[in-house]
PDB file of N, CA and C in Angstrom:
ATOM      1  N   MET A   1      -9.502  -8.971 -12.307  1.00  0.00           N
ATOM      2  CA  MET A   1      -8.660  -9.146 -11.142  1.00  0.00           C
ATOM      3  C   MET A   1      -9.129 -10.393 -10.401  1.00  0.00           C
ATOM      4  N   THR A   2      -8.199 -11.263 -10.063  1.00  0.00           N
ATOM      5  CA  THR A   2      -8.561 -12.487  -9.359  1.00  0.00           C
ATOM      6  C   THR A   2      -8.800 -12.198  -7.888  1.00  0.00           C
ATOM      7  N   TYR A   3      -9.355 -13.199  -7.215  1.00  0.00           N
ATOM      8  CA  TYR A   3      -9.627 -13.050  -5.788  1.00  0.00           C
ATOM      9  C   TYR A   3      -8.345 -12.730  -5.028  1.00  0.00           C
ATOM     10  N   SER A   4      -7.267 -13.434  -5.367  1.00  0.00           N
ATOM     11  CA  SER A   4      -5.996 -13.213  -4.682  1.00  0.00           C
ATOM     12  C   SER A   4      -5.499 -11.789  -4.906  1.00  0.00           C
ATOM     13  N   ASN A   5      -5.613 -11.297  -6.143  1.00  0.00           N
ATOM     14  CA  ASN A   5      -5.183  -9.934  -6.433  1.00  0.00           C
ATOM     15  C   ASN A   5      -6.021  -8.908  -5.685  1.00  0.00           C
ATOM     16  N   SER A   6      -7.331  -9.121  -5.646  1.00  0.00           N
ATOM     17  CA  SER A   6      -8.184  -8.162  -4.940  1.00  0.00           C
ATOM     18  C   SER A   6      -7.931  -8.217  -3.439  1.00  0.00           C
ATOM     19  N   LYS A   7      -7.589  -9.393  -2.924  1.00  0.00           N
ATOM     20  CA  LYS A   7      -7.279  -9.523  -1.501  1.00  0.00           C
ATOM     21  C   LYS A   7      -5.971  -8.789  -1.172  1.00  0.00           C
ATOM     22  N   THR A   8      -4.983  -8.925  -2.043  1.00  0.00           N
ATOM     23  CA  THR A   8      -3.715  -8.221  -1.845  1.00  0.00           C
ATOM     24  C   THR A   8      -3.924  -6.712  -1.914  1.00  0.00           C
ATOM     25  N   LYS A   9      -4.686  -6.269  -2.886  1.00  0.00           N
ATOM     26  CA  LYS A   9      -4.963  -4.842  -3.022  1.00  0.00           C
ATOM     27  C   LYS A   9      -5.661  -4.318  -1.775  1.00  0.00           C
ATOM     28  N   GLN A  10      -6.593  -5.067  -1.236  1.00  0.00           N
ATOM     29  CA  GLN A  10      -7.300  -4.643  -0.028  1.00  0.00           C
ATOM     30  C   GLN A  10      -6.357  -4.593   1.169  1.00  0.00           C
ATOM     31  N   ARG A  11      -5.444  -5.544   1.272  1.00  0.00           N
ATOM     32  CA  ARG A  11      -4.450  -5.535   2.362  1.00  0.00           C
ATOM     33  C   ARG A  11      -3.600  -4.271   2.276  1.00  0.00           C
ATOM     34  N   ILE A  12      -3.186  -3.911   1.062  1.00  0.00           N
ATOM     35  CA  ILE A  12      -2.392  -2.693   0.877  1.00  0.00           C
ATOM     36  C   ILE A  12      -3.194  -1.474   1.327  1.00  0.00           C
ATOM     37  N   LEU A  13      -4.435  -1.404   0.912  1.00  0.00           N
ATOM     38  CA  LEU A  13      -5.289  -0.280   1.303  1.00  0.00           C
ATOM     39  C   LEU A  13      -5.473  -0.205   2.813  1.00  0.00           C
ATOM     40  N   ASP A  14      -5.675  -1.347   3.453  1.00  0.00           N
ATOM     41  CA  ASP A  14      -5.864  -1.369   4.905  1.00  0.00           C
ATOM     42  C   ASP A  14      -4.639  -0.831   5.637  1.00  0.00           C
ATOM     43  N   VAL A  15      -3.459  -1.280   5.224  1.00  0.00           N
ATOM     44  CA  VAL A  15      -2.229  -0.801   5.863  1.00  0.00           C
ATOM     45  C   VAL A  15      -2.013   0.680   5.549  1.00  0.00           C
ATOM     46  N   ALA A  16      -2.307   1.093   4.325  1.00  0.00           N
ATOM     47  CA  ALA A  16      -2.141   2.494   3.950  1.00  0.00           C
ATOM     48  C   ALA A  16      -3.027   3.400   4.799  1.00  0.00           C
ATOM     49  N   VAL A  17      -4.255   3.005   5.026  1.00  0.00           N
ATOM     50  CA  VAL A  17      -5.157   3.807   5.862  1.00  0.00           C
ATOM     51  C   VAL A  17      -4.575   3.954   7.264  1.00  0.00           C
ATOM     52  N   THR A  18      -4.043   2.867   7.792  1.00  0.00           N
ATOM     53  CA  THR A  18      -3.439   2.915   9.123  1.00  0.00           C
ATOM     54  C   THR A  18      -2.262   3.881   9.152  1.00  0.00           C
ATOM     55  N   TYR A  19      -1.373   3.771   8.175  1.00  0.00           N
ATOM     56  CA  TYR A  19      -0.202   4.653   8.126  1.00  0.00           C
ATOM     57  C   TYR A  19      -0.599   6.107   7.895  1.00  0.00           C
ATOM     58  N   PHE A  20      -1.549   6.346   6.994  1.00  0.00           N
ATOM     59  CA  PHE A  20      -1.986   7.726   6.756  1.00  0.00           C
ATOM     60  C   PHE A  20      -2.631   8.315   8.006  1.00  0.00           C
ATOM     61  N   THR A  21      -3.344   7.505   8.746  1.00  0.00           N
ATOM     62  CA  THR A  21      -3.971   7.967   9.987  1.00  0.00           C
ATOM     63  C   THR A  21      -2.921   8.299  11.040  1.00  0.00           C
ATOM     64  N   LEU A  22      -1.918   7.438  11.169  1.00  0.00           N
ATOM     65  CA  LEU A  22      -0.893   7.632  12.193  1.00  0.00           C
ATOM     66  C   LEU A  22       0.116   8.725  11.832  1.00  0.00           C
ATOM     67  N   TYR A  23       0.552   8.762  10.575  1.00  0.00           N
ATOM     68  CA  TYR A  23       1.665   9.623  10.183  1.00  0.00           C
ATOM     69  C   TYR A  23       1.299  10.711   9.180  1.00  0.00           C
ATOM     70  N   GLY A  24       0.074  10.713   8.694  1.00  0.00           N
ATOM     71  CA  GLY A  24      -0.345  11.681   7.696  1.00  0.00           C
ATOM     72  C   GLY A  24       0.169  11.308   6.321  1.00  0.00           C
ATOM     73  N   TYR A  25      -0.356  11.979   5.310  1.00  0.00           N
ATOM     74  CA  TYR A  25       0.029  11.700   3.929  1.00  0.00           C
ATOM     75  C   TYR A  25       1.517  11.952   3.704  1.00  0.00           C
ATOM     76  N   GLU A  26       2.004  13.094   4.153  1.00  0.00           N
ATOM     77  CA  GLU A  26       3.409  13.456   3.941  1.00  0.00           C
ATOM     78  C   GLU A  26       4.364  12.561   4.718  1.00  0.00           C
ATOM     79  N   GLY A  27       3.932  12.060   5.861  1.00  0.00           N
ATOM     80  CA  GLY A  27       4.790  11.235   6.700  1.00  0.00           C
ATOM     81  C   GLY A  27       4.785   9.761   6.346  1.00  0.00           C
ATOM     82  N   THR A  28       4.062   9.399   5.320  1.00  0.00           N
ATOM     83  CA  THR A  28       3.957   8.004   4.898  1.00  0.00           C
ATOM     84  C   THR A  28       4.597   7.843   3.531  1.00  0.00           C
ATOM     85  N   ASN A  29       5.323   6.735   3.348  1.00  0.00           N
ATOM     86  CA  ASN A  29       5.836   6.444   2.011  1.00  0.00           C
ATOM     87  C   ASN A  29       5.524   4.989   1.658  1.00  0.00           C
ATOM     88  N   LEU A  30       5.572   4.687   0.374  1.00  0.00           N
ATOM     89  CA  LEU A  30       5.217   3.352  -0.090  1.00  0.00           C
ATOM     90  C   LEU A  30       6.160   2.284   0.446  1.00  0.00           C
ATOM     91  N   GLU A  31       7.390   2.646   0.687  1.00  0.00           N
ATOM     92  CA  GLU A  31       8.348   1.686   1.217  1.00  0.00           C
ATOM     93  C   GLU A  31       7.921   1.206   2.606  1.00  0.00           C
ATOM     94  N   ASP A  32       7.455   2.119   3.454  1.00  0.00           N
ATOM     95  CA  ASP A  32       6.983   1.736   4.788  1.00  0.00           C
ATOM     96  C   ASP A  32       5.775   0.805   4.704  1.00  0.00           C
ATOM     97  N   ILE A  33       4.861   1.110   3.805  1.00  0.00           N
ATOM     98  CA  ILE A  33       3.677   0.278   3.625  1.00  0.00           C
ATOM     99  C   ILE A  33       4.092  -1.103   3.138  1.00  0.00           C
ATOM    100  N   GLY A  34       5.017  -1.133   2.184  1.00  0.00           N
ATOM    101  CA  GLY A  34       5.510  -2.409   1.669  1.00  0.00           C
ATOM    102  C   GLY A  34       6.177  -3.245   2.746  1.00  0.00           C
ATOM    103  N   LYS A  35       7.005  -2.614   3.564  1.00  0.00           N
ATOM    104  CA  LYS A  35       7.680  -3.336   4.650  1.00  0.00           C
ATOM    105  C   LYS A  35       6.675  -3.938   5.618  1.00  0.00           C
ATOM    106  N   ALA A  36       5.636  -3.194   5.931  1.00  0.00           N
ATOM    107  CA  ALA A  36       4.615  -3.691   6.859  1.00  0.00           C
ATOM    108  C   ALA A  36       3.909  -4.924   6.293  1.00  0.00           C
ATOM    109  N   LEU A  37       3.844  -5.006   4.967  1.00  0.00           N
ATOM    110  CA  LEU A  37       3.172  -6.128   4.309  1.00  0.00           C
ATOM    111  C   LEU A  37       4.129  -7.223   3.874  1.00  0.00           C
ATOM    112  N   GLY A  38       5.424  -6.980   3.999  1.00  0.00           N
ATOM    113  CA  GLY A  38       6.406  -7.939   3.521  1.00  0.00           C
ATOM    114  C   GLY A  38       6.510  -7.942   2.000  1.00  0.00           C
ATOM    115  N   LEU A  39       6.241  -6.788   1.376  1.00  0.00           N
ATOM    116  CA  LEU A  39       6.293  -6.655  -0.075  1.00  0.00           C
ATOM    117  C   LEU A  39       7.365  -5.654  -0.475  1.00  0.00           C
ATOM    118  N   SER A  40       7.945  -5.871  -1.641  1.00  0.00           N
ATOM    119  CA  SER A  40       8.864  -4.877  -2.188  1.00  0.00           C
ATOM    120  C   SER A  40       8.034  -3.797  -2.879  1.00  0.00           C
ATOM    121  N   ARG A  41       8.696  -2.781  -3.369  1.00  0.00           N
ATOM    122  CA  ARG A  41       7.965  -1.695  -4.025  1.00  0.00           C
ATOM    123  C   ARG A  41       7.330  -2.141  -5.338  1.00  0.00           C
ATOM    124  N   GLY A  42       7.927  -3.126  -6.003  1.00  0.00           N
ATOM    125  CA  GLY A  42       7.395  -3.603  -7.280  1.00  0.00           C
ATOM    126  C   GLY A  42       5.930  -3.989  -7.220  1.00  0.00           C
ATOM    127  N   PRO A  43       5.558  -4.883  -6.311  1.00  0.00           N
ATOM    128  CA  PRO A  43       4.142  -5.252  -6.219  1.00  0.00           C
ATOM    129  C   PRO A  43       3.231  -4.070  -5.863  1.00  0.00           C
ATOM    130  N   LEU A  44       3.726  -3.143  -5.064  1.00  0.00           N
ATOM    131  CA  LEU A  44       2.902  -1.970  -4.734  1.00  0.00           C
ATOM    132  C   LEU A  44       2.606  -1.158  -5.982  1.00  0.00           C
ATOM    133  N   TYR A  45       3.616  -1.001  -6.838  1.00  0.00           N
ATOM    134  CA  TYR A  45       3.421  -0.237  -8.068  1.00  0.00           C
ATOM    135  C   TYR A  45       2.593  -1.004  -9.094  1.00  0.00           C
ATOM    136  N   TYR A  46       2.489  -2.307  -8.926  1.00  0.00           N
ATOM    137  CA  TYR A  46       1.601  -3.086  -9.780  1.00  0.00           C
ATOM    138  C   TYR A  46       0.144  -2.689  -9.512  1.00  0.00           C
ATOM    139  N   TYR A  47      -0.182  -2.479  -8.248  1.00  0.00           N
ATOM    140  CA  TYR A  47      -1.552  -2.149  -7.852  1.00  0.00           C
ATOM    141  C   TYR A  47      -1.843  -0.654  -7.879  1.00  0.00           C
ATOM    142  N   PHE A  48      -0.840   0.162  -7.573  1.00  0.00           N
ATOM    143  CA  PHE A  48      -1.029   1.612  -7.492  1.00  0.00           C
ATOM    144  C   PHE A  48       0.149   2.309  -8.165  1.00  0.00           C
ATOM    145  N   LYS A  49      -0.123   3.300  -9.023  1.00  0.00           N
ATOM    146  CA  LYS A  49       0.921   4.000  -9.763  1.00  0.00           C
ATOM    147  C   LYS A  49       1.870   4.763  -8.837  1.00  0.00           C
ATOM    148  N   ASN A  50       1.317   5.326  -7.762  1.00  0.00           N
ATOM    149  CA  ASN A  50       2.105   6.135  -6.844  1.00  0.00           C
ATOM    150  C   ASN A  50       1.293   6.337  -5.556  1.00  0.00           C
ATOM    151  N   LYS A  51       1.839   7.076  -4.641  1.00  0.00           N
ATOM    152  CA  LYS A  51       1.166   7.296  -3.359  1.00  0.00           C
ATOM    153  C   LYS A  51      -0.135   8.054  -3.557  1.00  0.00           C
ATOM    154  N   ASN A  52      -0.169   8.982  -4.465  1.00  0.00           N
ATOM    155  CA  ASN A  52      -1.388   9.726  -4.735  1.00  0.00           C
ATOM    156  C   ASN A  52      -2.489   8.801  -5.257  1.00  0.00           C
ATOM    157  N   ASP A  53      -2.136   7.858  -6.106  1.00  0.00           N
ATOM    158  CA  ASP A  53      -3.097   6.886  -6.633  1.00  0.00           C
ATOM    159  C   ASP A  53      -3.643   5.998  -5.516  1.00  0.00           C
ATOM    160  N   LEU A  54      -2.773   5.692  -4.571  1.00  0.00           N
ATOM    161  CA  LEU A  54      -3.177   4.882  -3.425  1.00  0.00           C
ATOM    162  C   LEU A  54      -4.184   5.634  -2.596  1.00  0.00           C
TER     163      LEU A  54
END
């Protein structure tokens, strides 16, 4: 994984932690996380298979 890829993955994780903290696991979806990052679902699924994997 390149530096850019690991940086993107970390950004996704950071936003996911925030959303899970605010809305809980059930209240969070990958689309919301993607929107917060300006990413479509495709790149999210590149890094994580699903919400459980995240």
